[in-house]
Amino acid sequence: MIEVQHLTKRYGDRTAVDDVSFRVERGEIVGFLGPNGAGKSTTLRMLTGFLAASSGAVQIDGIDMFEKPLLAKSRIGYMPESCPLYPEMRVNEYLSYRAELKGVAGRSIADRVAQSLAQASVSEVAERIIGQLSKGTRQRVGLADALVADPPILVLDEPTAGLDPNQIRQVRDLIRGFAGKKTVLVSTHILPEVEATCERVVIIHRGKVVREGTPDELRSAMDSQRRLALKSKHAVRLVSPVVLAVPGVLGIDTDKSDGATHLVLRVEDDPEVPDRIFDAVAKAGLSLRHLQPLSVASLEDVFGKLTTADAAAVGAASDDEEDDEDEEASEDDE
């Protein structure tokens, strides 16, 4: 279980992460979304203990990350966006070394390495030197690293970046298979992957959580009312009054005419409304060419609406965040 409470990160006068709070329940898979510069990677680095927080608290499986960082980190498999691998080592040597660092018992290391290689679909490069691998393959070695100690909690930052479509599908299936078995927090820009793998979504923008819920809940929030697309050969002035008088029709969002009438209707969530519209139009001596529901909002629609901002400002924030994080990492190294 992951519990983040009022997590804040400041760099001088700028606040990169601002009072962020959310939970990931045991066995739950949660997507962590936001545009570039929103504070995603900064938040993940803090909750995994790789970056000091300005304020706030993080509980990892009931362990306070800031009071007992080594114990808390032992419960996490963390895959950062840019995996810091040793390019001169062979894959199996690197994973064996990482397993030992993570406290895997010596007699179990070989089995854990083999299993993590298989899970990340990189068994075929076990004997290869990491520096000779493609970017996508190195990314999957980073995933194997996160899995090698069989942690109960996984924090994955852009795990499918640089992968081809087949590799993305493999990683998606792997993550989905952890449902109910591991607690997973995954950050990604690929929204269809979120819909395919995540039970719940947390959206962050400009350092703040702006919405969270299941994908269906987020879509419903965008589409609290149903919409119907109507087309008729008759003029708007004839069709609109008839339609608006139908019980359950709440209004007309758009209307236009190009030799035919096109209306987008807002209606109550009542399956009888379309039938009532047909009956009313027929009684008025008019006809319809079609009447059909418009598709509900996609997760992409929700994401766009909640995170739309001036591109230049977001880009600048992203650059600042990267510079500040590099500064912080340098200070930690010292």
C-alpha atoms as a PDB file:
ATOM      1  CA  MET A   1       0.000   0.000   0.000  1.00  0.00           C
ATOM      2  CA  ILE A   2       1.187   3.536  -0.818  1.00  0.00           C
ATOM      3  CA  GLU A   3      -0.094   6.556   1.071  1.00  0.00           C
ATOM      4  CA  VAL A   4       1.077  10.039   0.110  1.00  0.00           C
ATOM      5  CA  GLN A   5       0.060  12.894   2.427  1.00  0.00           C
ATOM      6  CA  HIS A   6       0.520  16.592   1.625  1.00  0.00           C
ATOM      7  CA  LEU A   7       3.743  15.943  -0.288  1.00  0.00           C
ATOM      8  CA  THR A   8       5.469  19.170  -1.341  1.00  0.00           C
ATOM      9  CA  LYS A   9       8.736  19.936  -3.128  1.00  0.00           C
ATOM     10  CA  ARG A  10      10.086  23.464  -3.468  1.00  0.00           C
ATOM     11  CA  TYR A  11      13.090  24.668  -5.412  1.00  0.00           C
ATOM     12  CA  GLY A  12      13.752  28.178  -4.131  1.00  0.00           C
ATOM     13  CA  ASP A  13      10.661  30.236  -4.867  1.00  0.00           C
ATOM     14  CA  ARG A  14       9.167  27.649  -7.219  1.00  0.00           C
ATOM     15  CA  THR A  15       6.903  24.853  -6.014  1.00  0.00           C
ATOM     16  CA  ALA A  16       7.268  21.782  -8.238  1.00  0.00           C
ATOM     17  CA  VAL A  17       4.911  19.542  -6.222  1.00  0.00           C
ATOM     18  CA  ASP A  18       2.224  21.271  -4.188  1.00  0.00           C
ATOM     19  CA  ASP A  19       0.432  19.472  -1.336  1.00  0.00           C
ATOM     20  CA  VAL A  20      -0.117  16.194  -3.215  1.00  0.00           C
ATOM     21  CA  SER A  21      -2.110  13.466  -1.452  1.00  0.00           C
ATOM     22  CA  PHE A  22      -3.382  10.106  -2.748  1.00  0.00           C
ATOM     23  CA  ARG A  23      -3.500   6.411  -1.873  1.00  0.00           C
ATOM     24  CA  VAL A  24      -2.834   3.192  -3.750  1.00  0.00           C
ATOM     25  CA  GLU A  25      -4.494   0.265  -2.022  1.00  0.00           C
ATOM     26  CA  ARG A  26      -2.928  -3.163  -1.655  1.00  0.00           C
ATOM     27  CA  GLY A  27      -3.137  -5.111  -4.926  1.00  0.00           C
ATOM     28  CA  GLU A  28      -4.389  -2.066  -6.865  1.00  0.00           C
ATOM     29  CA  ILE A  29      -2.974  -0.794 -10.169  1.00  0.00           C
ATOM     30  CA  VAL A  30      -3.115   2.997 -10.417  1.00  0.00           C
ATOM     31  CA  GLY A  31      -2.092   5.238 -13.304  1.00  0.00           C
ATOM     32  CA  PHE A  32      -0.301   8.494 -12.461  1.00  0.00           C
ATOM     33  CA  LEU A  33      -0.848  10.964 -15.280  1.00  0.00           C
ATOM     34  CA  GLY A  34       0.134  14.520 -16.100  1.00  0.00           C
ATOM     35  CA  PRO A  35       1.687  16.621 -18.863  1.00  0.00           C
ATOM     36  CA  ASN A  36       5.413  17.346 -19.040  1.00  0.00           C
ATOM     37  CA  GLY A  37       6.485  19.485 -16.112  1.00  0.00           C
ATOM     38  CA  ALA A  38       3.456  18.548 -14.010  1.00  0.00           C
ATOM     39  CA  GLY A  39       5.578  17.065 -11.213  1.00  0.00           C
ATOM     40  CA  LYS A  40       5.075  13.342 -11.917  1.00  0.00           C
ATOM     41  CA  SER A  41       8.703  12.230 -11.811  1.00  0.00           C
ATOM     42  CA  THR A  42       9.453  14.514  -8.860  1.00  0.00           C
ATOM     43  CA  THR A  43       6.568  12.949  -6.923  1.00  0.00           C
ATOM     44  CA  LEU A  44       7.694   9.415  -7.765  1.00  0.00           C
ATOM     45  CA  ARG A  45      11.279  10.174  -6.723  1.00  0.00           C
ATOM     46  CA  MET A  46      10.087  11.507  -3.393  1.00  0.00           C
ATOM     47  CA  LEU A  47       7.719   8.661  -2.595  1.00  0.00           C
ATOM     48  CA  THR A  48      10.453   6.124  -3.425  1.00  0.00           C
ATOM     49  CA  GLY A  49      12.981   7.926  -1.215  1.00  0.00           C
ATOM     50  CA  PHE A  50      15.314   9.057  -4.004  1.00  0.00           C
ATOM     51  CA  LEU A  51      14.567  12.750  -3.548  1.00  0.00           C
ATOM     52  CA  ALA A  52      14.095  14.684  -0.313  1.00  0.00           C
ATOM     53  CA  ALA A  53      10.686  16.280   0.188  1.00  0.00           C
ATOM     54  CA  SER A  54      10.224  19.844   1.430  1.00  0.00           C
ATOM     55  CA  SER A  55       7.273  18.666   3.521  1.00  0.00           C
ATOM     56  CA  GLY A  56       4.676  15.920   3.714  1.00  0.00           C
ATOM     57  CA  ALA A  57       4.696  12.213   4.507  1.00  0.00           C
ATOM     58  CA  VAL A  58       4.881   8.917   2.620  1.00  0.00           C
ATOM     59  CA  GLN A  59       3.864   5.517   3.983  1.00  0.00           C
ATOM     60  CA  ILE A  60       5.057   2.434   2.097  1.00  0.00           C
ATOM     61  CA  ASP A  61       3.311  -0.713   3.257  1.00  0.00           C
ATOM     62  CA  GLY A  62       2.792   0.995   6.611  1.00  0.00           C
ATOM     63  CA  ILE A  63       6.446   2.107   6.878  1.00  0.00           C
ATOM     64  CA  ASP A  64       7.367   5.798   7.055  1.00  0.00           C
ATOM     65  CA  MET A  65       9.654   6.475   4.082  1.00  0.00           C
ATOM     66  CA  PHE A  66      11.381   9.438   5.717  1.00  0.00           C
ATOM     67  CA  GLU A  67      11.913   7.840   9.135  1.00  0.00           C
ATOM     68  CA  LYS A  68      12.890   4.330   7.938  1.00  0.00           C
ATOM     69  CA  PRO A  69      13.994   4.792   4.323  1.00  0.00           C
ATOM     70  CA  LEU A  70      15.976   1.557   3.944  1.00  0.00           C
ATOM     71  CA  LEU A  71      13.151  -0.595   5.251  1.00  0.00           C
ATOM     72  CA  ALA A  72      10.569   1.236   3.142  1.00  0.00           C
ATOM     73  CA  LYS A  73      12.714   1.011  -0.006  1.00  0.00           C
ATOM     74  CA  SER A  74      13.084  -2.737   0.491  1.00  0.00           C
ATOM     75  CA  ARG A  75       9.338  -3.025  -0.195  1.00  0.00           C
ATOM     76  CA  ILE A  76       9.536  -1.184  -3.521  1.00  0.00           C
ATOM     77  CA  GLY A  77      10.628  -2.084  -7.011  1.00  0.00           C
ATOM     78  CA  TYR A  78      11.310   1.297  -8.635  1.00  0.00           C
ATOM     79  CA  MET A  79      11.865   1.783 -12.347  1.00  0.00           C
ATOM     80  CA  PRO A  80      12.828   5.408 -13.077  1.00  0.00           C
ATOM     81  CA  GLU A  81      12.133   6.956 -16.466  1.00  0.00           C
ATOM     82  CA  SER A  82      15.835   6.850 -17.415  1.00  0.00           C
ATOM     83  CA  CYS A  83      17.164   3.603 -16.008  1.00  0.00           C
ATOM     84  CA  PRO A  84      20.705   4.064 -14.577  1.00  0.00           C
ATOM     85  CA  LEU A  85      22.278   0.831 -15.822  1.00  0.00           C
ATOM     86  CA  TYR A  86      25.954  -0.156 -15.899  1.00  0.00           C
ATOM     87  CA  PRO A  87      26.755  -0.365 -19.649  1.00  0.00           C
ATOM     88  CA  GLU A  88      29.929  -2.407 -19.216  1.00  0.00           C
ATOM     89  CA  MET A  89      28.181  -5.277 -17.373  1.00  0.00           C
ATOM     90  CA  ARG A  90      26.370  -8.246 -18.854  1.00  0.00           C
ATOM     91  CA  VAL A  91      22.627  -8.304 -18.199  1.00  0.00           C
ATOM     92  CA  ASN A  92      22.628 -11.357 -15.929  1.00  0.00           C
ATOM     93  CA  GLU A  93      25.662 -10.066 -14.021  1.00  0.00           C
ATOM     94  CA  TYR A  94      23.992  -6.717 -13.469  1.00  0.00           C
ATOM     95  CA  LEU A  95      20.735  -8.264 -12.258  1.00  0.00           C
ATOM     96  CA  SER A  96      22.611 -10.644  -9.945  1.00  0.00           C
ATOM     97  CA  TYR A  97      24.482  -7.691  -8.497  1.00  0.00           C
ATOM     98  CA  ARG A  98      21.233  -5.740  -8.047  1.00  0.00           C
ATOM     99  CA  ALA A  99      19.521  -8.733  -6.435  1.00  0.00           C
ATOM    100  CA  GLU A 100      22.346  -9.019  -3.919  1.00  0.00           C
ATOM    101  CA  LEU A 101      22.130  -5.291  -3.139  1.00  0.00           C
ATOM    102  CA  LYS A 102      18.400  -5.672  -2.568  1.00  0.00           C
ATOM    103  CA  GLY A 103      18.896  -8.443  -0.042  1.00  0.00           C
ATOM    104  CA  VAL A 104      17.859 -11.472  -2.085  1.00  0.00           C
ATOM    105  CA  ALA A 105      19.238 -14.623  -0.452  1.00  0.00           C
ATOM    106  CA  GLY A 106      22.291 -15.975  -2.256  1.00  0.00           C
ATOM    107  CA  ARG A 107      20.688 -19.336  -3.020  1.00  0.00           C
ATOM    108  CA  SER A 108      17.703 -17.593  -4.600  1.00  0.00           C
ATOM    109  CA  ILE A 109      19.515 -15.047  -6.753  1.00  0.00           C
ATOM    110  CA  ALA A 110      19.850 -17.203  -9.864  1.00  0.00           C
ATOM    111  CA  ASP A 111      16.153 -18.125  -9.801  1.00  0.00           C
ATOM    112  CA  ARG A 112      15.066 -14.526  -9.207  1.00  0.00           C
ATOM    113  CA  VAL A 113      17.262 -13.256 -12.049  1.00  0.00           C
ATOM    114  CA  ALA A 114      15.881 -15.885 -14.419  1.00  0.00           C
ATOM    115  CA  GLN A 115      12.303 -15.079 -13.431  1.00  0.00           C
ATOM    116  CA  SER A 116      12.727 -11.316 -13.770  1.00  0.00           C
ATOM    117  CA  LEU A 117      14.365 -11.766 -17.175  1.00  0.00           C
ATOM    118  CA  ALA A 118      11.405 -13.845 -18.303  1.00  0.00           C
ATOM    119  CA  GLN A 119       8.846 -11.397 -16.892  1.00  0.00           C
ATOM    120  CA  ALA A 120      10.500  -8.475 -18.698  1.00  0.00           C
ATOM    121  CA  SER A 121      10.926 -10.568 -21.891  1.00  0.00           C
ATOM    122  CA  VAL A 122      14.703 -10.162 -22.032  1.00  0.00           C
ATOM    123  CA  SER A 123      15.885 -13.716 -21.352  1.00  0.00           C
ATOM    124  CA  GLU A 124      17.442 -13.874 -24.809  1.00  0.00           C
ATOM    125  CA  VAL A 125      19.912 -11.063 -23.960  1.00  0.00           C
ATOM    126  CA  ALA A 126      20.984 -12.405 -20.551  1.00  0.00           C
ATOM    127  CA  GLU A 127      24.593 -12.848 -21.719  1.00  0.00           C
ATOM    128  CA  ARG A 128      24.760  -9.585 -23.686  1.00  0.00           C
ATOM    129  CA  ILE A 129      26.657  -6.470 -22.565  1.00  0.00           C
ATOM    130  CA  ILE A 130      24.157  -3.783 -21.566  1.00  0.00           C
ATOM    131  CA  GLY A 131      25.914  -1.013 -23.507  1.00  0.00           C
ATOM    132  CA  GLN A 132      25.382  -2.950 -26.753  1.00  0.00           C
ATOM    133  CA  LEU A 133      21.618  -3.199 -26.325  1.00  0.00           C
ATOM    134  CA  SER A 134      18.968  -1.036 -27.969  1.00  0.00           C
ATOM    135  CA  LYS A 135      17.212   1.651 -25.935  1.00  0.00           C
ATOM    136  CA  GLY A 136      14.024  -0.402 -25.753  1.00  0.00           C
ATOM    137  CA  THR A 137      15.872  -3.496 -24.551  1.00  0.00           C
ATOM    138  CA  ARG A 138      17.747  -1.490 -21.912  1.00  0.00           C
ATOM    139  CA  GLN A 139      14.373  -0.168 -20.779  1.00  0.00           C
ATOM    140  CA  ARG A 140      13.152  -3.741 -20.260  1.00  0.00           C
ATOM    141  CA  VAL A 141      16.348  -4.598 -18.357  1.00  0.00           C
ATOM    142  CA  GLY A 142      15.404  -1.717 -16.052  1.00  0.00           C
ATOM    143  CA  LEU A 143      12.004  -3.335 -15.612  1.00  0.00           C
ATOM    144  CA  ALA A 144      13.682  -6.656 -14.767  1.00  0.00           C
ATOM    145  CA  ASP A 145      15.732  -4.774 -12.163  1.00  0.00           C
ATOM    146  CA  ALA A 146      12.531  -3.482 -10.548  1.00  0.00           C
ATOM    147  CA  LEU A 147      11.174  -7.035 -10.431  1.00  0.00           C
ATOM    148  CA  VAL A 148      14.283  -8.970  -9.415  1.00  0.00           C
ATOM    149  CA  ALA A 149      13.655  -8.881  -5.625  1.00  0.00           C
ATOM    150  CA  ASP A 150       9.957  -9.736  -6.088  1.00  0.00           C
ATOM    151  CA  PRO A 151       8.795  -6.613  -4.198  1.00  0.00           C
ATOM    152  CA  PRO A 152       5.154  -6.238  -3.129  1.00  0.00           C
ATOM    153  CA  ILE A 153       5.059  -2.666  -4.501  1.00  0.00           C
ATOM    154  CA  LEU A 154       6.082  -1.465  -7.972  1.00  0.00           C
ATOM    155  CA  VAL A 155       6.586   2.175  -8.967  1.00  0.00           C
ATOM    156  CA  LEU A 156       7.108   2.416 -12.722  1.00  0.00           C
ATOM    157  CA  ASP A 157       7.933   5.710 -14.431  1.00  0.00           C
ATOM    158  CA  GLU A 158       7.188   5.522 -18.178  1.00  0.00           C
ATOM    159  CA  PRO A 159       7.848   1.744 -18.385  1.00  0.00           C
ATOM    160  CA  THR A 160       6.959   1.528 -22.097  1.00  0.00           C
ATOM    161  CA  ALA A 161       9.032   4.499 -23.300  1.00  0.00           C
ATOM    162  CA  GLY A 162      11.095   3.495 -26.316  1.00  0.00           C
ATOM    163  CA  LEU A 163       9.370   0.126 -26.788  1.00  0.00           C
ATOM    164  CA  ASP A 164       7.855  -1.120 -30.034  1.00  0.00           C
ATOM    165  CA  PRO A 165       4.140  -2.063 -30.203  1.00  0.00           C
ATOM    166  CA  ASN A 166       4.767  -5.746 -29.453  1.00  0.00           C
ATOM    167  CA  GLN A 167       6.966  -4.921 -26.468  1.00  0.00           C
ATOM    168  CA  ILE A 168       4.376  -2.423 -25.184  1.00  0.00           C
ATOM    169  CA  ARG A 169       1.734  -5.145 -25.330  1.00  0.00           C
ATOM    170  CA  GLN A 170       3.989  -7.524 -23.383  1.00  0.00           C
ATOM    171  CA  VAL A 171       4.615  -4.949 -20.655  1.00  0.00           C
ATOM    172  CA  ARG A 172       0.917  -4.061 -20.535  1.00  0.00           C
ATOM    173  CA  ASP A 173      -0.015  -7.725 -20.092  1.00  0.00           C
ATOM    174  CA  LEU A 174       2.639  -8.111 -17.389  1.00  0.00           C
ATOM    175  CA  ILE A 175       1.353  -5.110 -15.413  1.00  0.00           C
ATOM    176  CA  ARG A 176      -2.256  -6.193 -15.805  1.00  0.00           C
ATOM    177  CA  GLY A 177      -1.287  -9.625 -14.465  1.00  0.00           C
ATOM    178  CA  PHE A 178      -0.159  -8.040 -11.196  1.00  0.00           C
ATOM    179  CA  ALA A 179      -3.731  -7.003 -10.313  1.00  0.00           C
ATOM    180  CA  GLY A 180      -4.541  -8.290  -6.842  1.00  0.00           C
ATOM    181  CA  LYS A 181      -0.962  -9.557  -6.386  1.00  0.00           C
ATOM    182  CA  LYS A 182       1.172  -6.425  -6.277  1.00  0.00           C
ATOM    183  CA  THR A 183       0.508  -2.762  -5.620  1.00  0.00           C
ATOM    184  CA  VAL A 184       1.456  -0.859  -8.765  1.00  0.00           C
ATOM    185  CA  LEU A 185       1.773   2.872  -9.429  1.00  0.00           C
ATOM    186  CA  VAL A 186       2.590   3.511 -13.079  1.00  0.00           C
ATOM    187  CA  SER A 187       3.284   6.814 -14.802  1.00  0.00           C
ATOM    188  CA  THR A 188       2.792   6.923 -18.559  1.00  0.00           C
ATOM    189  CA  HIS A 189       1.801   9.222 -21.417  1.00  0.00           C
ATOM    190  CA  ILE A 190       0.118   6.405 -23.343  1.00  0.00           C
ATOM    191  CA  LEU A 191      -3.505   6.852 -22.292  1.00  0.00           C
ATOM    192  CA  PRO A 192      -4.872   3.696 -24.002  1.00  0.00           C
ATOM    193  CA  GLU A 193      -2.378   1.733 -21.899  1.00  0.00           C
ATOM    194  CA  VAL A 194      -3.809   3.309 -18.763  1.00  0.00           C
ATOM    195  CA  GLU A 195      -7.336   2.339 -19.765  1.00  0.00           C
ATOM    196  CA  ALA A 196      -6.167  -1.203 -20.534  1.00  0.00           C
ATOM    197  CA  THR A 197      -4.212  -1.783 -17.307  1.00  0.00           C
ATOM    198  CA  CYS A 198      -5.216   0.609 -14.515  1.00  0.00           C
ATOM    199  CA  GLU A 199      -8.132   0.315 -12.121  1.00  0.00           C
ATOM    200  CA  ARG A 200      -7.849   3.929 -11.039  1.00  0.00           C
ATOM    201  CA  VAL A 201      -6.177   7.115 -12.246  1.00  0.00           C
ATOM    202  CA  VAL A 202      -4.595  10.090 -10.483  1.00  0.00           C
ATOM    203  CA  ILE A 203      -4.115  13.177 -12.684  1.00  0.00           C
ATOM    204  CA  ILE A 204      -1.591  15.830 -11.662  1.00  0.00           C
ATOM    205  CA  HIS A 205      -1.197  19.266 -13.254  1.00  0.00           C
ATOM    206  CA  ARG A 206       1.149  22.066 -12.254  1.00  0.00           C
ATOM    207  CA  GLY A 207       2.151  20.179  -9.148  1.00  0.00           C
ATOM    208  CA  LYS A 208      -1.374  19.551  -7.865  1.00  0.00           C
ATOM    209  CA  VAL A 209      -3.725  16.573  -8.044  1.00  0.00           C
ATOM    210  CA  VAL A 210      -6.624  17.796 -10.172  1.00  0.00           C
ATOM    211  CA  ARG A 211      -8.749  14.620 -10.356  1.00  0.00           C
ATOM    212  CA  GLU A 212      -8.695  10.962  -9.400  1.00  0.00           C
ATOM    213  CA  GLY A 213     -11.023   8.027  -9.890  1.00  0.00           C
ATOM    214  CA  THR A 214     -11.640   5.053 -12.134  1.00  0.00           C
ATOM    215  CA  PRO A 215     -11.499   5.687 -15.897  1.00  0.00           C
ATOM    216  CA  ASP A 216     -15.290   5.275 -16.025  1.00  0.00           C
ATOM    217  CA  GLU A 217     -15.761   7.791 -13.202  1.00  0.00           C
ATOM    218  CA  LEU A 218     -13.545  10.327 -14.964  1.00  0.00           C
ATOM    219  CA  ARG A 219     -15.379   9.866 -18.242  1.00  0.00           C
ATOM    220  CA  SER A 220     -18.735  10.148 -16.489  1.00  0.00           C
ATOM    221  CA  ALA A 221     -17.653  13.415 -14.915  1.00  0.00           C
ATOM    222  CA  MET A 222     -17.108  14.735 -18.426  1.00  0.00           C
ATOM    223  CA  ASP A 223     -20.352  13.252 -19.701  1.00  0.00           C
ATOM    224  CA  SER A 224     -22.781  13.775 -16.841  1.00  0.00           C
ATOM    225  CA  GLN A 225     -25.459  14.065 -19.542  1.00  0.00           C
ATOM    226  CA  ARG A 226     -25.897  11.964 -22.661  1.00  0.00           C
ATOM    227  CA  ARG A 227     -25.698  13.496 -26.094  1.00  0.00           C
ATOM    228  CA  LEU A 228     -27.515  12.511 -29.269  1.00  0.00           C
ATOM    229  CA  ALA A 229     -26.665  13.478 -32.836  1.00  0.00           C
ATOM    230  CA  LEU A 230     -29.767  14.210 -34.926  1.00  0.00           C
ATOM    231  CA  LYS A 231     -29.985  14.802 -38.656  1.00  0.00           C
ATOM    232  CA  SER A 232     -33.094  15.798 -40.600  1.00  0.00           C
ATOM    233  CA  LYS A 233     -33.834  17.095 -44.098  1.00  0.00           C
ATOM    234  CA  HIS A 234     -36.079  19.768 -42.579  1.00  0.00           C
ATOM    235  CA  ALA A 235     -34.978  23.247 -41.488  1.00  0.00           C
ATOM    236  CA  VAL A 236     -33.583  23.910 -38.022  1.00  0.00           C
ATOM    237  CA  ARG A 237     -36.451  26.311 -37.270  1.00  0.00           C
ATOM    238  CA  LEU A 238     -38.949  23.471 -37.802  1.00  0.00           C
ATOM    239  CA  VAL A 239     -37.098  20.681 -36.023  1.00  0.00           C
ATOM    240  CA  SER A 240     -35.678  22.477 -32.971  1.00  0.00           C
ATOM    241  CA  PRO A 241     -38.983  23.465 -31.273  1.00  0.00           C
ATOM    242  CA  VAL A 242     -40.393  19.970 -31.719  1.00  0.00           C
ATOM    243  CA  VAL A 243     -37.318  18.329 -30.231  1.00  0.00           C
ATOM    244  CA  LEU A 244     -36.982  20.759 -27.333  1.00  0.00           C
ATOM    245  CA  ALA A 245     -40.580  20.017 -26.295  1.00  0.00           C
ATOM    246  CA  VAL A 246     -39.796  16.307 -25.811  1.00  0.00           C
ATOM    247  CA  PRO A 247     -39.572  15.258 -22.124  1.00  0.00           C
ATOM    248  CA  GLY A 248     -35.976  14.359 -21.329  1.00  0.00           C
ATOM    249  CA  VAL A 249     -34.403  16.714 -23.882  1.00  0.00           C
ATOM    250  CA  LEU A 250     -32.390  19.243 -21.881  1.00  0.00           C
ATOM    251  CA  GLY A 251     -31.083  21.452 -24.640  1.00  0.00           C
ATOM    252  CA  ILE A 252     -29.259  21.815 -27.918  1.00  0.00           C
ATOM    253  CA  ASP A 253     -25.490  22.229 -27.809  1.00  0.00           C
ATOM    254  CA  THR A 254     -24.940  22.894 -31.506  1.00  0.00           C
ATOM    255  CA  ASP A 255     -27.064  23.288 -34.559  1.00  0.00           C
ATOM    256  CA  LYS A 256     -26.186  23.932 -38.170  1.00  0.00           C
ATOM    257  CA  SER A 257     -27.682  23.573 -41.608  1.00  0.00           C
ATOM    258  CA  ASP A 258     -26.001  22.720 -44.918  1.00  0.00           C
ATOM    259  CA  GLY A 259     -29.081  21.640 -46.815  1.00  0.00           C
ATOM    260  CA  ALA A 260     -29.952  19.440 -43.835  1.00  0.00           C
ATOM    261  CA  THR A 261     -30.387  20.035 -40.125  1.00  0.00           C
ATOM    262  CA  HIS A 262     -27.682  18.774 -37.751  1.00  0.00           C
ATOM    263  CA  LEU A 263     -28.348  18.971 -34.020  1.00  0.00           C
ATOM    264  CA  VAL A 264     -26.403  17.788 -30.974  1.00  0.00           C
ATOM    265  CA  LEU A 265     -28.904  17.246 -28.172  1.00  0.00           C
ATOM    266  CA  ARG A 266     -28.268  17.054 -24.428  1.00  0.00           C
ATOM    267  CA  VAL A 267     -30.650  14.511 -22.971  1.00  0.00           C
ATOM    268  CA  GLU A 268     -31.339  12.777 -19.671  1.00  0.00           C
ATOM    269  CA  ASP A 269     -29.830   9.342 -19.115  1.00  0.00           C
ATOM    270  CA  ASP A 270     -33.107   7.672 -20.064  1.00  0.00           C
ATOM    271  CA  PRO A 271     -33.293   4.962 -22.787  1.00  0.00           C
ATOM    272  CA  GLU A 272     -36.836   6.090 -23.672  1.00  0.00           C
ATOM    273  CA  VAL A 273     -35.768   9.565 -24.812  1.00  0.00           C
ATOM    274  CA  PRO A 274     -34.795   8.579 -28.391  1.00  0.00           C
ATOM    275  CA  ASP A 275     -38.160   6.852 -28.899  1.00  0.00           C
ATOM    276  CA  ARG A 276     -39.987   9.947 -27.659  1.00  0.00           C
ATOM    277  CA  ILE A 277     -37.996  12.107 -30.078  1.00  0.00           C
ATOM    278  CA  PHE A 278     -38.901   9.848 -33.009  1.00  0.00           C
ATOM    279  CA  ASP A 279     -42.588   9.907 -32.041  1.00  0.00           C
ATOM    280  CA  ALA A 280     -42.663  13.695 -31.612  1.00  0.00           C
ATOM    281  CA  VAL A 281     -40.964  14.346 -34.936  1.00  0.00           C
ATOM    282  CA  ALA A 282     -43.295  11.936 -36.735  1.00  0.00           C
ATOM    283  CA  LYS A 283     -46.408  13.539 -35.176  1.00  0.00           C
ATOM    284  CA  ALA A 284     -45.169  16.913 -36.390  1.00  0.00           C
ATOM    285  CA  GLY A 285     -45.074  15.572 -39.949  1.00  0.00           C
ATOM    286  CA  LEU A 286     -41.289  15.698 -40.100  1.00  0.00           C
ATOM    287  CA  SER A 287     -38.722  12.969 -40.664  1.00  0.00           C
ATOM    288  CA  LEU A 288     -35.289  12.056 -39.361  1.00  0.00           C
ATOM    289  CA  ARG A 289     -32.318  10.806 -41.357  1.00  0.00           C
ATOM    290  CA  HIS A 290     -30.604   9.519 -38.251  1.00  0.00           C
ATOM    291  CA  LEU A 291     -30.586   9.787 -34.464  1.00  0.00           C
ATOM    292  CA  GLN A 292     -27.719   8.171 -32.632  1.00  0.00           C
ATOM    293  CA  PRO A 293     -25.773   8.582 -29.381  1.00  0.00           C
ATOM    294  CA  LEU A 294     -22.435  10.345 -29.477  1.00  0.00           C
ATOM    295  CA  SER A 295     -19.528   8.453 -27.970  1.00  0.00           C
ATOM    296  CA  VAL A 296     -18.745   9.232 -24.361  1.00  0.00           C
ATOM    297  CA  ALA A 297     -15.616  11.163 -23.512  1.00  0.00           C
ATOM    298  CA  SER A 298     -12.384   9.223 -23.766  1.00  0.00           C
ATOM    299  CA  LEU A 299      -9.708   9.325 -21.097  1.00  0.00           C
ATOM    300  CA  GLU A 300      -7.765  11.479 -23.554  1.00  0.00           C
ATOM    301  CA  ASP A 301     -10.649  13.999 -23.546  1.00  0.00           C
ATOM    302  CA  VAL A 302     -10.635  14.063 -19.746  1.00  0.00           C
ATOM    303  CA  PHE A 303      -6.855  14.445 -19.606  1.00  0.00           C
ATOM    304  CA  GLY A 304      -6.918  17.252 -22.162  1.00  0.00           C
ATOM    305  CA  LYS A 305      -9.632  19.179 -20.379  1.00  0.00           C
ATOM    306  CA  LEU A 306      -7.958  18.914 -16.959  1.00  0.00           C
ATOM    307  CA  THR A 307      -4.415  19.698 -18.090  1.00  0.00           C
ATOM    308  CA  THR A 308      -4.826  22.211 -20.911  1.00  0.00           C
ATOM    309  CA  ALA A 309      -2.376  25.028 -20.299  1.00  0.00           C
ATOM    310  CA  ASP A 310      -0.140  27.434 -22.135  1.00  0.00           C
ATOM    311  CA  ALA A 311       2.408  25.238 -23.921  1.00  0.00           C
ATOM    312  CA  ALA A 312       5.284  27.620 -23.375  1.00  0.00           C
ATOM    313  CA  ALA A 313       4.611  27.793 -19.635  1.00  0.00           C
ATOM    314  CA  VAL A 314       4.436  24.011 -19.364  1.00  0.00           C
ATOM    315  CA  GLY A 315       7.622  23.606 -21.389  1.00  0.00           C
ATOM    316  CA  ALA A 316       9.442  26.095 -19.184  1.00  0.00           C
ATOM    317  CA  ALA A 317       8.208  24.313 -16.061  1.00  0.00           C
ATOM    318  CA  SER A 318       9.433  21.011 -17.475  1.00  0.00           C
ATOM    319  CA  ASP A 319      12.894  22.450 -18.148  1.00  0.00           C
ATOM    320  CA  ASP A 320      13.038  23.982 -14.667  1.00  0.00           C
ATOM    321  CA  GLU A 321      11.991  20.700 -13.090  1.00  0.00           C
ATOM    322  CA  GLU A 322      14.710  18.775 -14.896  1.00  0.00           C
ATOM    323  CA  ASP A 323      17.380  21.344 -13.965  1.00  0.00           C
ATOM    324  CA  ASP A 324      16.288  21.420 -10.332  1.00  0.00           C
ATOM    325  CA  GLU A 325      16.191  17.633 -10.094  1.00  0.00           C
ATOM    326  CA  ASP A 326      19.707  17.426 -11.548  1.00  0.00           C
ATOM    327  CA  GLU A 327      20.827  19.964  -8.946  1.00  0.00           C
ATOM    328  CA  GLU A 328      19.215  17.955  -6.157  1.00  0.00           C
ATOM    329  CA  ALA A 329      20.791  14.714  -7.394  1.00  0.00           C
ATOM    330  CA  SER A 330      24.189  16.397  -7.491  1.00  0.00           C
ATOM    331  CA  GLU A 331      23.751  17.605  -3.911  1.00  0.00           C
ATOM    332  CA  ASP A 332      22.760  14.095  -2.796  1.00  0.00           C
ATOM    333  CA  ASP A 333      25.854  12.618  -4.459  1.00  0.00           C
ATOM    334  CA  GLU A 334      28.058  15.059  -2.614  1.00  0.00           C
END
